[in-house]
Protein backbone atom coordinates (compact mmCIF):
# COMPACT_ATOMS: atom_id res chain seq x y z
CA MET A 1 32.26 14.32 29.20
CA THR A 2 29.28 13.11 27.22
CA ALA A 3 29.03 13.17 23.48
CA PRO A 4 26.64 15.74 22.05
CA GLN A 5 23.25 14.39 21.05
CA ARG A 6 22.63 14.09 17.34
CA LEU A 7 19.80 16.07 15.83
CA PRO A 8 17.27 14.22 13.70
CA ASP A 9 18.75 13.83 10.26
CA ALA A 10 17.16 14.01 6.86
CA SER A 11 17.37 10.23 6.48
CA ARG A 12 13.99 9.96 8.23
CA LEU A 13 12.41 11.53 5.17
CA ARG A 14 13.96 9.16 2.67
CA ALA A 15 11.77 7.32 0.23
CA THR A 16 10.86 4.70 2.85
CA GLN A 17 9.03 7.35 4.91
CA TRP A 18 7.10 8.99 2.06
CA PRO A 19 4.49 6.22 1.90
CA MET A 20 3.82 6.87 5.60
CA ILE A 21 3.45 10.61 4.96
CA LEU A 22 1.15 9.98 1.99
CA GLY A 23 -0.95 7.57 4.05
CA LEU A 24 -1.23 10.07 6.90
CA THR A 25 -2.17 12.80 4.42
CA LEU A 26 -4.91 10.60 2.95
CA LEU A 27 -6.19 9.83 6.45
CA TRP A 28 -6.17 13.55 7.29
CA VAL A 29 -8.19 14.42 4.18
CA LEU A 30 -10.65 11.59 4.89
CA LEU A 31 -11.10 12.81 8.45
CA TRP A 32 -11.94 16.33 7.22
CA GLY A 33 -14.29 14.90 4.60
CA THR A 34 -13.41 17.28 1.76
CA VAL A 35 -10.53 17.44 -0.65
CA SER A 36 -9.12 20.95 -0.70
CA VAL A 37 -5.69 22.48 -1.13
CA ALA A 38 -5.68 23.54 2.53
CA ASN A 39 -6.61 20.04 3.74
CA VAL A 40 -3.99 18.36 1.55
CA LEU A 41 -1.22 20.80 2.56
CA SER A 42 -2.11 20.60 6.24
CA GLY A 43 -2.22 16.78 5.92
CA VAL A 44 1.27 16.74 4.43
CA LEU A 45 2.46 19.02 7.22
CA VAL A 46 0.91 16.77 9.89
CA GLY A 47 2.41 13.69 8.19
CA VAL A 48 5.90 15.20 8.14
CA LEU A 49 5.54 16.27 11.77
CA VAL A 50 4.40 12.79 12.84
CA VAL A 51 7.29 11.13 10.97
CA PHE A 52 9.81 13.42 12.68
CA VAL A 53 8.32 13.24 16.17
CA PHE A 54 7.42 9.53 16.14
CA PRO A 55 9.95 7.89 13.81
CA LEU A 56 9.30 4.30 12.88
CA PRO A 57 11.81 1.86 11.46
CA PRO A 58 11.39 1.63 7.71
CA ILE A 59 9.06 -1.16 6.67
CA GLU A 60 11.37 -1.83 3.72
CA LYS A 61 13.86 -3.54 6.06
CA GLN A 62 11.17 -5.69 7.68
CA ALA A 63 9.19 -6.76 4.64
CA ARG A 64 9.48 -7.56 0.98
CA LEU A 65 6.48 -7.81 -1.30
CA HIS A 66 6.42 -11.08 -3.26
CA PRO A 67 3.58 -10.79 -5.82
CA VAL A 68 3.17 -14.53 -6.37
CA GLY A 69 3.20 -15.10 -2.61
CA VAL A 70 0.60 -12.36 -2.10
CA VAL A 71 -1.74 -13.97 -4.65
CA ARG A 72 -1.28 -17.41 -3.06
CA PHE A 73 -1.85 -15.94 0.40
CA ALA A 74 -5.02 -14.11 -0.68
CA LEU A 75 -6.54 -17.09 -2.50
CA ARG A 76 -5.73 -19.56 0.26
CA PHE A 77 -6.91 -17.09 2.92
CA LEU A 78 -10.31 -16.85 1.23
CA GLY A 79 -10.44 -20.64 1.09
CA ASP A 80 -9.49 -20.86 4.78
CA MET A 81 -12.30 -18.47 5.65
CA VAL A 82 -14.87 -20.60 3.80
CA ILE A 83 -13.63 -23.88 5.30
CA SER A 84 -13.41 -22.40 8.81
CA SER A 85 -16.92 -20.96 8.53
CA TRP A 86 -18.22 -24.40 7.55
CA ARG A 87 -16.37 -26.06 10.48
CA LEU A 88 -17.62 -23.38 12.88
CA ASN A 89 -21.24 -23.84 11.79
CA LYS A 90 -20.88 -27.61 12.06
CA SER A 91 -19.47 -27.27 15.59
CA ILE A 92 -22.18 -24.85 16.70
CA LEU A 93 -25.05 -26.87 15.25
CA ALA A 94 -23.77 -30.18 16.66
CA PRO A 95 -25.63 -31.47 19.71
CA GLY A 96 -24.11 -30.53 23.04
CA PRO A 97 -21.84 -27.65 23.93
CA PRO A 98 -19.22 -26.68 21.36
CA SER A 99 -15.71 -27.84 22.15
CA CYS A 100 -13.02 -25.17 22.58
CA ALA A 101 -9.32 -25.06 23.36
CA VAL A 102 -6.67 -22.51 24.20
CA LEU A 103 -3.53 -23.30 22.23
CA GLY A 104 -0.01 -21.97 22.22
CA VAL A 105 1.80 -22.00 18.89
CA ARG A 106 5.46 -20.97 18.61
CA MET A 107 5.97 -18.78 15.57
CA ARG A 108 9.07 -19.38 13.47
CA CYS A 109 9.64 -15.75 12.40
CA PRO A 110 9.88 -13.57 15.52
CA GLY A 111 9.96 -10.23 13.68
CA ASP A 112 7.31 -7.76 14.83
CA LEU A 113 5.78 -7.28 11.40
CA MET A 114 5.49 -11.00 10.60
CA LEU A 115 4.07 -11.73 14.07
CA THR A 116 1.53 -8.92 13.73
CA VAL A 117 0.37 -9.85 10.23
CA THR A 118 0.09 -13.52 11.21
CA ALA A 119 -1.89 -12.66 14.36
CA VAL A 120 -4.28 -10.45 12.38
CA ALA A 121 -4.76 -13.15 9.73
CA VAL A 122 -5.40 -15.81 12.40
CA SER A 123 -7.97 -13.56 14.10
CA ALA A 124 -9.74 -12.91 10.79
CA VAL A 125 -10.39 -16.62 10.25
CA PRO A 126 -13.74 -17.60 11.84
CA GLY A 127 -13.46 -19.78 14.92
CA SER A 128 -10.10 -18.54 16.18
CA THR A 129 -9.23 -15.56 18.33
CA VAL A 130 -5.74 -14.44 19.33
CA LEU A 131 -5.58 -14.04 23.09
CA GLU A 132 -1.95 -13.06 23.52
CA LEU A 133 1.26 -12.70 21.57
CA ASP A 134 4.50 -13.03 23.51
CA ARG A 135 7.13 -11.18 21.48
CA ARG A 136 10.10 -12.50 23.47
CA SER A 137 9.32 -16.17 22.98
CA GLY A 138 7.38 -15.81 19.72
CA MET A 139 4.38 -17.66 21.19
CA LEU A 140 0.93 -16.99 19.82
CA TYR A 141 -1.86 -17.99 22.22
CA LEU A 142 -5.28 -18.43 20.65
CA HIS A 143 -8.76 -19.63 21.47
CA VAL A 144 -10.08 -22.12 18.94
CA LEU A 145 -13.66 -23.32 18.61
CA GLY A 146 -14.19 -26.89 17.48
CA ALA A 147 -10.91 -28.21 18.90
CA GLY A 148 -12.08 -30.79 21.40
CA SER A 149 -9.89 -33.72 20.39
CA GLN A 150 -6.11 -33.88 20.19
CA ALA A 151 -6.32 -34.39 16.41
CA GLU A 152 -8.38 -31.18 16.05
CA ARG A 153 -5.89 -29.25 18.22
CA ASP A 154 -2.97 -30.56 16.16
CA ARG A 155 -4.81 -29.57 12.98
CA ALA A 156 -5.40 -26.05 14.37
CA ARG A 157 -1.68 -25.69 15.20
CA ARG A 158 -0.66 -26.89 11.72
CA GLU A 159 -3.10 -24.44 10.11
CA VAL A 160 -1.63 -21.53 12.08
CA LEU A 161 1.90 -22.54 11.06
CA ARG A 162 0.83 -22.88 7.43
CA LEU A 163 -0.79 -19.45 7.59
CA GLU A 164 2.43 -18.04 9.02
CA ALA A 165 4.39 -19.65 6.17
CA ARG A 166 2.06 -18.08 3.57
CA VAL A 167 2.35 -14.67 5.27
CA VAL A 168 6.15 -14.91 5.25
CA ARG A 169 6.25 -16.05 1.62
CA ALA A 170 4.04 -13.07 0.71
CA PHE A 171 5.66 -10.31 2.81
CA GLY A 172 8.81 -11.68 4.48
CA THR A 173 12.47 -10.83 4.10
CA PRO A 174 14.87 -13.43 2.70
CA ALA A 175 15.92 -14.26 6.29
CA ASP A 176 12.27 -14.88 7.26
CA VAL A 177 11.72 -17.14 4.25
CA ALA A 178 14.93 -19.03 5.09
CA ALA A 179 13.71 -19.55 8.69
CA ILE A 180 10.43 -21.00 7.41
CA ASP A 181 12.25 -23.26 4.91
CA ALA A 182 14.66 -24.50 7.61
CA SER A 183 11.78 -25.20 9.99
CA GLU A 184 9.83 -27.12 7.35
CA THR A 185 12.93 -29.12 6.44
CA ALA A 186 13.52 -29.97 10.11
CA GLU A 187 9.87 -31.00 10.45
CA GLU A 188 10.19 -33.34 7.46
CA VAL A 189 13.31 -34.97 8.95
CA PHE A 190 12.51 -35.03 12.68
CA GLY A 191 8.74 -34.69 12.82
CA PRO A 192 6.47 -31.79 13.80
CA TRP A 193 7.25 -29.17 16.45
CA VAL A 194 10.98 -29.82 16.74
């Protein structure tokens, strides 16, 4: 005899789901192009329906917003974009074909949200493109321009790991931050990529 299936409970509409409903409502109104009572109400209805039919785990359990970390991430990210643009231009304007490499970098926080945010941030930096993300192993494979020598490839790997650390310190859970701290401590003691 099988146990009866549980019906969806009201916990899906707790406070952690309301930002999703509000975001879907805003998207609905933007798609229609006019703000009206009918568009807002139908947007709320569509948002509630989507949350019930396609439930997502609450982001609250996967991320924490650290304001100081967000500011550091944003400022350093802008700096990374400027420096990477300069390196990319230098590589393209240098005589001969530009050097490229495909690198694999093992991420230290295997959570879906941290992997996704890190991959998006890496792709946004000029000169690097994410080719694949293996969720099971936590490997991020990327194509990097201007990485012809071993020193340049090592630098690219370190930059990806530093970017991951800034992402985690801006949006990660305490467990994610602890994983980054433990990894950096191990790297100080035993050397890189232990």
